[in-house]
Amino acid sequence: MSNLLKVPTMAEMMASGETPDVLFWVGCAGSFDDRAKKITKAIVKILQNCKVKFAVLGAEESCTGDPAKRAGNEFLFQMQAMMNIQVLDGYEIKKIVTGCPHCFNTLKNEYPELGGHYEVQHHTQLLQELINSGKLRLEGGAEFKGKKITFHDPCYLGRANDVYEAPRSLIEKLDAELVEMKRCKTTGLCCGAGGAQMFKEAEKGNKEINVERTEEALETSAEIIATGCPFCNTMMTDGVKLAGKEAEIKVLDIAELIASASDL
């Protein structure tokens, strides 16, 4: 079977006189980072399997401006945002699903003050909806049955937007054992990548924050560390490698778990 996934762009869909139900906002990491591309593919496979009518912007998608804003460059953020809003409004986009909490938070909470009003979902929220409506069935979840999985709350999904239950309910649907870290949900600890920290050198200290967070995950004896953010995935993967545990412990996005359990 070919690994090539055919995903329509908004331009292609509009040219054929069609309108998608949802725009999949891929994000910078999901487009360019080799590890995050696997998460993008998992989301696409699920959407296609569930017959969700969706499209991507393709080359017309630009960074939401999140890193610029977090780093203090409000001018650059507004330039990026206005450019994206122009494209989104040109296609009369109503609903957006993102693979990244940073994109999710920025599009949902910061674009409205610049005139961009959309219904925005994180992919875990959409996956939960698809399961609840019966469109997505987890038939091949045996590989996760009884396995210990811990979920690392992304800052911009959890504490910034109060989305805690969607990812956890998806893990529980796998017949897996959800084990919580000592700091989770409203008291979750950042992986160290948010707030544009992903793109700068670490400051002086005696321990990297992603190492601290990975140690908390390892304390749960989980076999899988589940994430819902490409940045978190990178930071937790690096932490697991540093601990010399990459042979025993997997770091996977919720979408990858669900795609795998759905035999996609």
Protein backbone atom coordinates (compact mmCIF):
# COMPACT_ATOMS: atom_id res chain seq x y z
CA MET A 1 0.00 0.00 0.00
CA SER A 2 1.33 3.46 -0.88
CA ASN A 3 2.37 5.75 1.98
CA LEU A 4 1.31 8.74 -0.12
CA LEU A 5 -1.74 10.46 1.33
CA LYS A 6 -3.81 12.56 -1.04
CA VAL A 7 -5.11 15.58 0.82
CA PRO A 8 -7.01 18.30 -1.05
CA THR A 9 -6.02 21.92 -0.64
CA MET A 10 -8.62 24.63 -0.14
CA ALA A 11 -7.76 26.02 -3.57
CA GLU A 12 -8.40 22.63 -5.23
CA MET A 13 -11.64 22.10 -3.34
CA MET A 14 -12.99 25.55 -4.13
CA ALA A 15 -12.02 25.15 -7.79
CA SER A 16 -14.20 22.04 -7.96
CA GLY A 17 -17.09 23.91 -6.33
CA GLU A 18 -16.86 22.08 -3.00
CA THR A 19 -16.66 23.38 0.57
CA PRO A 20 -14.99 21.35 3.32
CA ASP A 21 -16.62 20.87 6.73
CA VAL A 22 -13.33 21.55 8.44
CA LEU A 23 -9.94 23.05 7.64
CA PHE A 24 -7.00 21.07 9.01
CA TRP A 25 -4.39 23.59 10.17
CA VAL A 26 -1.17 21.58 9.93
CA GLY A 27 1.20 24.02 11.63
CA CYS A 28 4.94 24.56 11.19
CA ALA A 29 6.06 21.49 13.14
CA GLY A 30 3.51 19.24 11.45
CA SER A 31 4.67 20.48 8.05
CA PHE A 32 8.45 20.54 8.42
CA ASP A 33 9.59 18.43 11.39
CA ASP A 34 10.11 14.80 10.38
CA ARG A 35 8.82 13.41 13.67
CA ALA A 36 5.78 15.71 13.73
CA LYS A 37 4.92 14.76 10.13
CA LYS A 38 4.00 11.30 11.47
CA ILE A 39 1.43 12.95 13.76
CA THR A 40 0.05 14.90 10.79
CA LYS A 41 -0.30 11.66 8.81
CA ALA A 42 -2.08 9.97 11.73
CA ILE A 43 -4.61 12.82 11.93
CA VAL A 44 -5.16 12.74 8.15
CA LYS A 45 -5.69 8.97 8.15
CA ILE A 46 -8.28 9.24 10.92
CA LEU A 47 -10.16 12.07 9.19
CA GLN A 48 -10.17 10.19 5.89
CA ASN A 49 -11.25 6.94 7.54
CA CYS A 50 -14.14 8.75 9.26
CA LYS A 51 -15.18 10.36 5.96
CA VAL A 52 -14.65 13.86 7.35
CA LYS A 53 -14.71 16.36 4.50
CA PHE A 54 -11.58 18.41 5.11
CA ALA A 55 -8.86 20.33 3.31
CA VAL A 56 -5.55 22.01 4.09
CA LEU A 57 -4.22 25.37 2.97
CA GLY A 58 -0.99 23.84 1.67
CA ALA A 59 1.49 26.51 0.55
CA GLU A 60 -1.01 29.21 1.54
CA GLU A 61 -0.66 28.29 5.23
CA SER A 62 1.82 30.42 7.15
CA CYS A 63 2.95 30.33 10.79
CA THR A 64 0.21 31.60 13.12
CA GLY A 65 2.74 33.97 14.66
CA ASP A 66 2.74 32.24 18.06
CA PRO A 67 6.55 32.08 18.49
CA ALA A 68 6.91 35.74 17.45
CA LYS A 69 4.26 36.85 19.96
CA ARG A 70 5.71 34.77 22.82
CA ALA A 71 9.18 36.13 22.06
CA GLY A 72 7.80 39.68 22.32
CA ASN A 73 7.59 40.67 18.65
CA GLU A 74 3.97 41.82 18.54
CA PHE A 75 4.49 43.58 15.20
CA LEU A 76 5.62 40.38 13.46
CA PHE A 77 2.79 38.44 15.10
CA GLN A 78 0.17 40.87 13.79
CA MET A 79 1.68 40.77 10.30
CA GLN A 80 1.49 36.96 10.28
CA ALA A 81 -2.00 36.93 11.76
CA MET A 82 -3.46 39.48 9.33
CA MET A 83 -2.00 37.58 6.38
CA ASN A 84 -3.55 34.31 7.62
CA ILE A 85 -6.91 35.93 8.42
CA GLN A 86 -7.04 37.32 4.87
CA VAL A 87 -6.52 33.80 3.45
CA LEU A 88 -8.98 32.14 5.86
CA ASP A 89 -11.69 34.73 5.27
CA GLY A 90 -11.09 34.56 1.53
CA TYR A 91 -12.09 30.90 1.71
CA GLU A 92 -14.93 31.66 4.17
CA ILE A 93 -13.49 29.20 6.70
CA LYS A 94 -15.78 28.53 9.66
CA LYS A 95 -14.21 25.57 11.46
CA ILE A 96 -10.53 24.73 12.01
CA VAL A 97 -8.88 21.70 13.63
CA THR A 98 -5.22 21.89 14.63
CA GLY A 99 -2.52 19.33 15.35
CA CYS A 100 -0.77 21.76 17.69
CA PRO A 101 -1.99 23.47 20.91
CA HIS A 102 0.07 26.57 20.08
CA CYS A 103 -1.81 27.04 16.80
CA PHE A 104 -5.06 26.11 18.57
CA ASN A 105 -4.61 28.73 21.29
CA THR A 106 -3.49 31.49 18.91
CA LEU A 107 -6.23 30.95 16.32
CA LYS A 108 -8.92 30.53 18.99
CA ASN A 109 -8.01 33.26 21.48
CA GLU A 110 -5.83 35.82 19.73
CA TYR A 111 -7.11 36.02 16.15
CA PRO A 112 -10.59 37.32 17.14
CA GLU A 113 -9.20 40.68 18.33
CA LEU A 114 -7.70 41.07 14.84
CA GLY A 115 -10.97 40.17 13.13
CA GLY A 116 -10.45 36.41 12.66
CA HIS A 117 -13.46 34.56 14.11
CA TYR A 118 -13.50 30.78 13.73
CA GLU A 119 -14.59 27.68 15.59
CA VAL A 120 -11.25 26.12 16.55
CA GLN A 121 -10.66 22.60 17.90
CA HIS A 122 -7.60 20.70 19.00
CA HIS A 123 -7.37 17.32 17.31
CA THR A 124 -8.10 15.43 20.55
CA GLN A 125 -11.44 17.26 20.83
CA LEU A 126 -12.41 16.32 17.27
CA LEU A 127 -11.33 12.69 17.79
CA GLN A 128 -13.47 12.51 20.93
CA GLU A 129 -16.44 13.85 18.93
CA LEU A 130 -15.87 11.26 16.19
CA ILE A 131 -15.82 8.43 18.73
CA ASN A 132 -18.89 9.73 20.57
CA SER A 133 -20.83 9.98 17.28
CA GLY A 134 -19.86 6.43 16.30
CA LYS A 135 -17.90 7.54 13.21
CA LEU A 136 -14.61 6.35 14.71
CA ARG A 137 -14.40 2.83 16.11
CA LEU A 138 -11.40 1.48 17.94
CA GLU A 139 -11.26 -2.10 16.78
CA GLY A 140 -7.57 -2.89 16.93
CA GLY A 141 -6.79 -1.52 20.40
CA ALA A 142 -5.53 -4.85 21.72
CA GLU A 143 -1.91 -3.68 21.51
CA PHE A 144 -2.60 -1.08 24.22
CA LYS A 145 -4.85 -3.23 26.43
CA GLY A 146 -3.69 -3.01 30.03
CA LYS A 147 -0.63 -0.96 29.15
CA LYS A 148 0.27 1.94 31.41
CA ILE A 149 0.02 5.26 29.58
CA THR A 150 0.68 8.65 31.14
CA PHE A 151 -0.48 11.89 29.50
CA HIS A 152 1.62 15.04 29.53
CA ASP A 153 -0.67 18.08 29.46
CA PRO A 154 0.49 20.69 26.91
CA CYS A 155 0.36 24.13 28.55
CA TYR A 156 -1.64 25.74 25.75
CA LEU A 157 -4.17 22.91 25.71
CA GLY A 158 -4.56 22.38 29.45
CA ARG A 159 -3.98 25.39 31.65
CA ALA A 160 -4.53 27.94 28.87
CA ASN A 161 -7.76 26.42 27.52
CA ASP A 162 -9.04 23.95 30.15
CA VAL A 163 -8.94 20.97 27.79
CA TYR A 164 -8.09 18.06 30.07
CA GLU A 165 -10.72 15.39 29.51
CA ALA A 166 -10.67 14.87 25.71
CA PRO A 167 -7.16 13.37 25.56
CA ARG A 168 -7.71 11.30 28.71
CA SER A 169 -11.03 9.88 27.53
CA LEU A 170 -9.30 8.81 24.30
CA ILE A 171 -6.60 6.96 26.26
CA GLU A 172 -9.25 5.21 28.35
CA LYS A 173 -11.01 4.11 25.14
CA LEU A 174 -7.86 2.11 24.35
CA ASP A 175 -8.49 -0.16 27.37
CA ALA A 176 -5.18 1.11 28.67
CA GLU A 177 -4.39 2.07 32.25
CA LEU A 178 -4.11 5.86 32.52
CA VAL A 179 -1.51 6.73 35.16
CA GLU A 180 -1.14 10.37 36.16
CA MET A 181 2.10 12.18 36.92
CA LYS A 182 2.31 13.91 40.30
CA ARG A 183 1.96 17.24 38.49
CA CYS A 184 -0.91 17.01 36.03
CA LYS A 185 -3.99 18.85 34.76
CA THR A 186 -4.21 22.30 36.41
CA THR A 187 -0.86 21.75 38.15
CA GLY A 188 0.86 20.29 35.08
CA LEU A 189 4.52 21.10 34.46
CA CYS A 190 5.65 22.65 31.17
CA CYS A 191 7.96 20.50 29.02
CA GLY A 192 10.16 23.55 28.49
CA ALA A 193 9.30 24.33 24.86
CA GLY A 194 6.40 26.79 25.16
CA GLY A 195 6.62 30.56 25.16
CA ALA A 196 9.14 30.45 22.26
CA GLN A 197 11.62 28.62 24.54
CA MET A 198 11.81 25.90 21.85
CA PHE A 199 13.93 28.21 19.73
CA LYS A 200 16.49 29.51 22.24
CA GLU A 201 19.35 28.11 24.24
CA ALA A 202 18.64 27.01 27.79
CA GLU A 203 19.35 29.46 30.58
CA LYS A 204 21.74 28.71 33.44
CA GLY A 205 20.59 26.12 35.95
CA ASN A 206 21.33 22.63 37.18
CA LYS A 207 18.71 20.71 35.17
CA GLU A 208 16.81 21.04 31.90
CA ILE A 209 13.04 21.34 32.47
CA ASN A 210 12.27 18.55 29.98
CA VAL A 211 14.53 16.23 32.02
CA GLU A 212 12.58 17.10 35.18
CA ARG A 213 9.30 16.42 33.39
CA THR A 214 10.52 13.15 31.87
CA GLU A 215 11.64 11.97 35.32
CA GLU A 216 8.09 12.56 36.56
CA ALA A 217 6.75 10.50 33.65
CA LEU A 218 9.21 7.67 34.36
CA GLU A 219 8.14 7.60 38.02
CA THR A 220 4.66 6.44 36.90
CA SER A 221 6.20 3.28 35.35
CA ALA A 222 4.29 4.08 32.16
CA GLU A 223 5.25 2.21 28.99
CA ILE A 224 3.96 5.04 26.79
CA ILE A 225 4.16 8.80 27.32
CA ALA A 226 1.25 10.32 25.40
CA THR A 227 1.39 13.90 24.17
CA GLY A 228 -0.92 16.23 22.28
CA CYS A 229 1.68 18.69 21.00
CA PRO A 230 4.62 18.33 18.59
CA PHE A 231 6.85 20.52 20.79
CA CYS A 232 6.06 18.43 23.88
CA ASN A 233 6.72 15.29 21.84
CA THR A 234 10.22 16.52 20.96
CA MET A 235 11.05 17.54 24.54
CA MET A 236 9.77 14.31 26.11
CA THR A 237 11.51 12.19 23.44
CA ASP A 238 14.80 13.97 24.19
CA GLY A 239 14.25 13.36 27.90
CA VAL A 240 13.61 9.65 27.37
CA LYS A 241 16.76 9.38 25.22
CA LEU A 242 18.82 11.13 27.87
CA ALA A 243 17.55 8.64 30.44
CA GLY A 244 18.59 5.80 28.12
CA LYS A 245 15.04 4.45 28.04
CA GLU A 246 14.11 4.80 24.36
CA ALA A 247 14.08 1.02 23.89
CA GLU A 248 11.45 0.56 26.62
CA ILE A 249 9.35 3.73 26.55
CA LYS A 250 7.56 5.21 23.54
CA VAL A 251 6.53 8.85 23.19
CA LEU A 252 3.44 9.04 20.98
CA ASP A 253 0.83 11.63 20.13
CA ILE A 254 -2.77 10.79 21.02
CA ALA A 255 -3.58 10.79 17.28
CA GLU A 256 -0.91 8.14 16.69
CA LEU A 257 -2.37 5.95 19.45
CA ILE A 258 -5.88 6.27 18.04
CA ALA A 259 -4.77 5.67 14.44
CA SER A 260 -2.88 2.58 15.54
CA ALA A 261 -5.83 1.29 17.58
CA SER A 262 -8.14 1.84 14.61
CA ASP A 263 -6.00 -0.38 12.36
CA LEU A 264 -5.47 2.53 9.94
